[in-house]
Amino acid sequence: MFGLFKNNFDEQLRSEKDRLNSMSEKELLIEMILELKRIDQKCDDIARKIVIWSN
């Protein structure tokens, strides 16, 4: 069962790597900025939840 998940994860990782390799530097920078913004929003959500649960 877990072997199927690992194989699927490996395939997704490989396809993502191929996609990123085919991009130009500008496209990669844009992708990185967008991903950093998503991470920042998730961190803010987590911080809010921690404050709510700690009260």
PDB file of N, CA and C in Angstrom:
ATOM      1  N   MET A   1       0.817  -1.189   0.000  1.00  0.00           N
ATOM      2  CA  MET A   1       0.000   0.000   0.000  1.00  0.00           C
ATOM      3  C   MET A   1       0.865   1.258   0.000  1.00  0.00           C
ATOM      4  N   PHE A   2       1.849   1.311   0.899  1.00  0.00           N
ATOM      5  CA  PHE A   2       2.698   2.497   0.980  1.00  0.00           C
ATOM      6  C   PHE A   2       3.628   2.598  -0.228  1.00  0.00           C
ATOM      7  N   GLY A   3       3.938   1.463  -0.829  1.00  0.00           N
ATOM      8  CA  GLY A   3       4.766   1.480  -2.029  1.00  0.00           C
ATOM      9  C   GLY A   3       4.088   2.230  -3.154  1.00  0.00           C
ATOM     10  N   LEU A   4       2.766   2.095  -3.273  1.00  0.00           N
ATOM     11  CA  LEU A   4       2.014   2.812  -4.299  1.00  0.00           C
ATOM     12  C   LEU A   4       2.090   4.310  -4.073  1.00  0.00           C
ATOM     13  N   PHE A   5       1.940   4.744  -2.812  1.00  0.00           N
ATOM     14  CA  PHE A   5       2.044   6.170  -2.493  1.00  0.00           C
ATOM     15  C   PHE A   5       3.443   6.694  -2.795  1.00  0.00           C
ATOM     16  N   LYS A   6       4.463   5.915  -2.469  1.00  0.00           N
ATOM     17  CA  LYS A   6       5.837   6.342  -2.722  1.00  0.00           C
ATOM     18  C   LYS A   6       6.095   6.461  -4.210  1.00  0.00           C
ATOM     19  N   ASN A   7       5.618   5.497  -4.984  1.00  0.00           N
ATOM     20  CA  ASN A   7       5.797   5.555  -6.432  1.00  0.00           C
ATOM     21  C   ASN A   7       5.072   6.752  -7.026  1.00  0.00           C
ATOM     22  N   ASN A   8       3.867   7.017  -6.543  1.00  0.00           N
ATOM     23  CA  ASN A   8       3.099   8.158  -7.017  1.00  0.00           C
ATOM     24  C   ASN A   8       3.801   9.461  -6.647  1.00  0.00           C
ATOM     25  N   PHE A   9       4.310   9.539  -5.425  1.00  0.00           N
ATOM     26  CA  PHE A   9       5.031  10.729  -4.980  1.00  0.00           C
ATOM     27  C   PHE A   9       6.288  10.938  -5.821  1.00  0.00           C
ATOM     28  N   ASP A  10       7.017   9.852  -6.085  1.00  0.00           N
ATOM     29  CA  ASP A  10       8.230   9.953  -6.901  1.00  0.00           C
ATOM     30  C   ASP A  10       7.902  10.442  -8.301  1.00  0.00           C
ATOM     31  N   GLU A  11       6.808   9.966  -8.868  1.00  0.00           N
ATOM     32  CA  GLU A  11       6.399  10.381 -10.212  1.00  0.00           C
ATOM     33  C   GLU A  11       6.005  11.852 -10.225  1.00  0.00           C
ATOM     34  N   GLN A  12       5.269  12.295  -9.199  1.00  0.00           N
ATOM     35  CA  GLN A  12       4.889  13.707  -9.106  1.00  0.00           C
ATOM     36  C   GLN A  12       6.122  14.590  -8.951  1.00  0.00           C
ATOM     37  N   LEU A  13       7.072  14.146  -8.139  1.00  0.00           N
ATOM     38  CA  LEU A  13       8.299  14.899  -7.935  1.00  0.00           C
ATOM     39  C   LEU A  13       9.083  15.018  -9.238  1.00  0.00           C
ATOM     40  N   ARG A  14       9.168  13.925  -9.962  1.00  0.00           N
ATOM     41  CA  ARG A  14       9.885  13.921 -11.242  1.00  0.00           C
ATOM     42  C   ARG A  14       9.216  14.854 -12.254  1.00  0.00           C
ATOM     43  N   SER A  15       7.889  14.821 -12.332  1.00  0.00           N
ATOM     44  CA  SER A  15       7.187  15.680 -13.290  1.00  0.00           C
ATOM     45  C   SER A  15       7.309  17.153 -12.898  1.00  0.00           C
ATOM     46  N   GLU A  16       7.270  17.441 -11.593  1.00  0.00           N
ATOM     47  CA  GLU A  16       7.454  18.825 -11.134  1.00  0.00           C
ATOM     48  C   GLU A  16       8.865  19.313 -11.458  1.00  0.00           C
ATOM     49  N   LYS A  17       9.837  18.455 -11.261  1.00  0.00           N
ATOM     50  CA  LYS A  17      11.224  18.804 -11.570  1.00  0.00           C
ATOM     51  C   LYS A  17      11.390  19.086 -13.065  1.00  0.00           C
ATOM     52  N   ASP A  18      10.781  18.264 -13.901  1.00  0.00           N
ATOM     53  CA  ASP A  18      10.838  18.483 -15.348  1.00  0.00           C
ATOM     54  C   ASP A  18      10.176  19.799 -15.737  1.00  0.00           C
ATOM     55  N   ARG A  19       9.043  20.088 -15.103  1.00  0.00           N
ATOM     56  CA  ARG A  19       8.336  21.343 -15.391  1.00  0.00           C
ATOM     57  C   ARG A  19       9.195  22.547 -15.032  1.00  0.00           C
ATOM     58  N   LEU A  20       9.830  22.487 -13.866  1.00  0.00           N
ATOM     59  CA  LEU A  20      10.668  23.606 -13.434  1.00  0.00           C
ATOM     60  C   LEU A  20      11.917  23.749 -14.306  1.00  0.00           C
ATOM     61  N   ASN A  21      12.468  22.640 -14.747  1.00  0.00           N
ATOM     62  CA  ASN A  21      13.642  22.688 -15.617  1.00  0.00           C
ATOM     63  C   ASN A  21      13.338  23.321 -16.962  1.00  0.00           C
ATOM     64  N   SER A  22      12.099  23.237 -17.403  1.00  0.00           N
ATOM     65  CA  SER A  22      11.742  23.789 -18.708  1.00  0.00           C
ATOM     66  C   SER A  22      11.419  25.282 -18.652  1.00  0.00           C
ATOM     67  N   MET A  23      11.366  25.858 -17.467  1.00  0.00           N
ATOM     68  CA  MET A  23      11.003  27.272 -17.319  1.00  0.00           C
ATOM     69  C   MET A  23      12.225  28.174 -17.481  1.00  0.00           C
ATOM     70  N   SER A  24      11.938  29.410 -17.853  1.00  0.00           N
ATOM     71  CA  SER A  24      13.000  30.408 -17.902  1.00  0.00           C
ATOM     72  C   SER A  24      13.283  30.912 -16.487  1.00  0.00           C
ATOM     73  N   GLU A  25      14.360  31.664 -16.336  1.00  0.00           N
ATOM     74  CA  GLU A  25      14.705  32.188 -15.007  1.00  0.00           C
ATOM     75  C   GLU A  25      13.621  33.118 -14.475  1.00  0.00           C
ATOM     76  N   LYS A  26      13.070  33.927 -15.348  1.00  0.00           N
ATOM     77  CA  LYS A  26      12.023  34.858 -14.915  1.00  0.00           C
ATOM     78  C   LYS A  26      10.794  34.101 -14.433  1.00  0.00           C
ATOM     79  N   GLU A  27      10.396  33.077 -15.160  1.00  0.00           N
ATOM     80  CA  GLU A  27       9.254  32.271 -14.743  1.00  0.00           C
ATOM     81  C   GLU A  27       9.519  31.595 -13.410  1.00  0.00           C
ATOM     82  N   LEU A  28      10.741  31.112 -13.210  1.00  0.00           N
ATOM     83  CA  LEU A  28      11.088  30.480 -11.940  1.00  0.00           C
ATOM     84  C   LEU A  28      11.015  31.464 -10.780  1.00  0.00           C
ATOM     85  N   LEU A  29      11.504  32.674 -11.004  1.00  0.00           N
ATOM     86  CA  LEU A  29      11.447  33.690  -9.951  1.00  0.00           C
ATOM     87  C   LEU A  29      10.001  34.025  -9.593  1.00  0.00           C
ATOM     88  N   ILE A  30       9.144  34.109 -10.595  1.00  0.00           N
ATOM     89  CA  ILE A  30       7.729  34.382 -10.343  1.00  0.00           C
ATOM     90  C   ILE A  30       7.104  33.250  -9.550  1.00  0.00           C
ATOM     91  N   GLU A  31       7.391  32.007  -9.932  1.00  0.00           N
ATOM     92  CA  GLU A  31       6.886  30.847  -9.193  1.00  0.00           C
ATOM     93  C   GLU A  31       7.363  30.871  -7.743  1.00  0.00           C
ATOM     94  N   MET A  32       8.620  31.219  -7.531  1.00  0.00           N
ATOM     95  CA  MET A  32       9.164  31.264  -6.169  1.00  0.00           C
ATOM     96  C   MET A  32       8.467  32.337  -5.341  1.00  0.00           C
ATOM     97  N   ILE A  33       8.247  33.501  -5.926  1.00  0.00           N
ATOM     98  CA  ILE A  33       7.580  34.579  -5.196  1.00  0.00           C
ATOM     99  C   ILE A  33       6.159  34.184  -4.822  1.00  0.00           C
ATOM    100  N   LEU A  34       5.442  33.586  -5.763  1.00  0.00           N
ATOM    101  CA  LEU A  34       4.075  33.154  -5.477  1.00  0.00           C
ATOM    102  C   LEU A  34       4.040  32.086  -4.385  1.00  0.00           C
ATOM    103  N   GLU A  35       4.980  31.159  -4.452  1.00  0.00           N
ATOM    104  CA  GLU A  35       5.036  30.107  -3.427  1.00  0.00           C
ATOM    105  C   GLU A  35       5.379  30.693  -2.055  1.00  0.00           C
ATOM    106  N   LEU A  36       6.287  31.656  -2.006  1.00  0.00           N
ATOM    107  CA  LEU A  36       6.631  32.298  -0.738  1.00  0.00           C
ATOM    108  C   LEU A  36       5.427  33.045  -0.157  1.00  0.00           C
ATOM    109  N   LYS A  37       4.627  33.661  -1.020  1.00  0.00           N
ATOM    110  CA  LYS A  37       3.422  34.340  -0.543  1.00  0.00           C
ATOM    111  C   LYS A  37       2.431  33.338   0.035  1.00  0.00           C
ATOM    112  N   ARG A  38       2.286  32.179  -0.614  1.00  0.00           N
ATOM    113  CA  ARG A  38       1.389  31.133  -0.096  1.00  0.00           C
ATOM    114  C   ARG A  38       1.879  30.643   1.264  1.00  0.00           C
ATOM    115  N   ILE A  39       3.175  30.453   1.390  1.00  0.00           N
ATOM    116  CA  ILE A  39       3.745  29.997   2.664  1.00  0.00           C
ATOM    117  C   ILE A  39       3.521  31.043   3.748  1.00  0.00           C
ATOM    118  N   ASP A  40       3.693  32.309   3.409  1.00  0.00           N
ATOM    119  CA  ASP A  40       3.483  33.390   4.371  1.00  0.00           C
ATOM    120  C   ASP A  40       2.039  33.399   4.858  1.00  0.00           C
ATOM    121  N   GLN A  41       1.093  33.208   3.952  1.00  0.00           N
ATOM    122  CA  GLN A  41      -0.312  33.177   4.346  1.00  0.00           C
ATOM    123  C   GLN A  41      -0.603  31.984   5.251  1.00  0.00           C
ATOM    124  N   LYS A  42      -0.017  30.839   4.937  1.00  0.00           N
ATOM    125  CA  LYS A  42      -0.224  29.660   5.779  1.00  0.00           C
ATOM    126  C   LYS A  42       0.361  29.878   7.167  1.00  0.00           C
ATOM    127  N   CYS A  43       1.517  30.526   7.244  1.00  0.00           N
ATOM    128  CA  CYS A  43       2.134  30.816   8.544  1.00  0.00           C
ATOM    129  C   CYS A  43       1.249  31.751   9.354  1.00  0.00           C
ATOM    130  N   ASP A  44       0.668  32.745   8.698  1.00  0.00           N
ATOM    131  CA  ASP A  44      -0.249  33.651   9.392  1.00  0.00           C
ATOM    132  C   ASP A  44      -1.469  32.899   9.924  1.00  0.00           C
ATOM    133  N   ASP A  45      -2.012  31.992   9.104  1.00  0.00           N
ATOM    134  CA  ASP A  45      -3.152  31.191   9.547  1.00  0.00           C
ATOM    135  C   ASP A  45      -2.788  30.342  10.755  1.00  0.00           C
ATOM    136  N   ILE A  46      -1.630  29.724  10.727  1.00  0.00           N
ATOM    137  CA  ILE A  46      -1.183  28.890  11.848  1.00  0.00           C
ATOM    138  C   ILE A  46      -0.999  29.731  13.098  1.00  0.00           C
ATOM    139  N   ALA A  47      -0.410  30.911  12.956  1.00  0.00           N
ATOM    140  CA  ALA A  47      -0.206  31.788  14.106  1.00  0.00           C
ATOM    141  C   ALA A  47      -1.538  32.189  14.724  1.00  0.00           C
ATOM    142  N   ARG A  48      -2.531  32.480  13.882  1.00  0.00           N
ATOM    143  CA  ARG A  48      -3.856  32.843  14.390  1.00  0.00           C
ATOM    144  C   ARG A  48      -4.480  31.678  15.150  1.00  0.00           C
ATOM    145  N   LYS A  49      -4.341  30.479  14.606  1.00  0.00           N
ATOM    146  CA  LYS A  49      -4.915  29.310  15.267  1.00  0.00           C
ATOM    147  C   LYS A  49      -4.237  29.051  16.597  1.00  0.00           C
ATOM    148  N   ILE A  50      -2.936  29.258  16.672  1.00  0.00           N
ATOM    149  CA  ILE A  50      -2.212  29.066  17.925  1.00  0.00           C
ATOM    150  C   ILE A  50      -2.707  30.058  18.979  1.00  0.00           C
ATOM    151  N   VAL A  51      -2.922  31.290  18.582  1.00  0.00           N
ATOM    152  CA  VAL A  51      -3.409  32.304  19.527  1.00  0.00           C
ATOM    153  C   VAL A  51      -4.809  31.934  20.013  1.00  0.00           C
ATOM    154  N   ILE A  52      -5.663  31.487  19.089  1.00  0.00           N
ATOM    155  CA  ILE A  52      -7.033  31.131  19.468  1.00  0.00           C
ATOM    156  C   ILE A  52      -7.019  29.947  20.430  1.00  0.00           C
ATOM    157  N   TRP A  53      -6.235  28.923  20.129  1.00  0.00           N
ATOM    158  CA  TRP A  53      -6.201  27.734  20.992  1.00  0.00           C
ATOM    159  C   TRP A  53      -5.502  28.000  22.328  1.00  0.00           C
ATOM    160  N   SER A  54      -4.596  28.959  22.358  1.00  0.00           N
ATOM    161  CA  SER A  54      -3.896  29.215  23.615  1.00  0.00           C
ATOM    162  C   SER A  54      -4.743  30.040  24.581  1.00  0.00           C
ATOM    163  N   ASN A  55      -5.735  30.734  24.042  1.00  0.00           N
ATOM    164  CA  ASN A  55      -6.619  31.534  24.913  1.00  0.00           C
ATOM    165  C   ASN A  55      -7.566  30.619  25.543  1.00  0.00           C
TER     166      ASN A  55
END
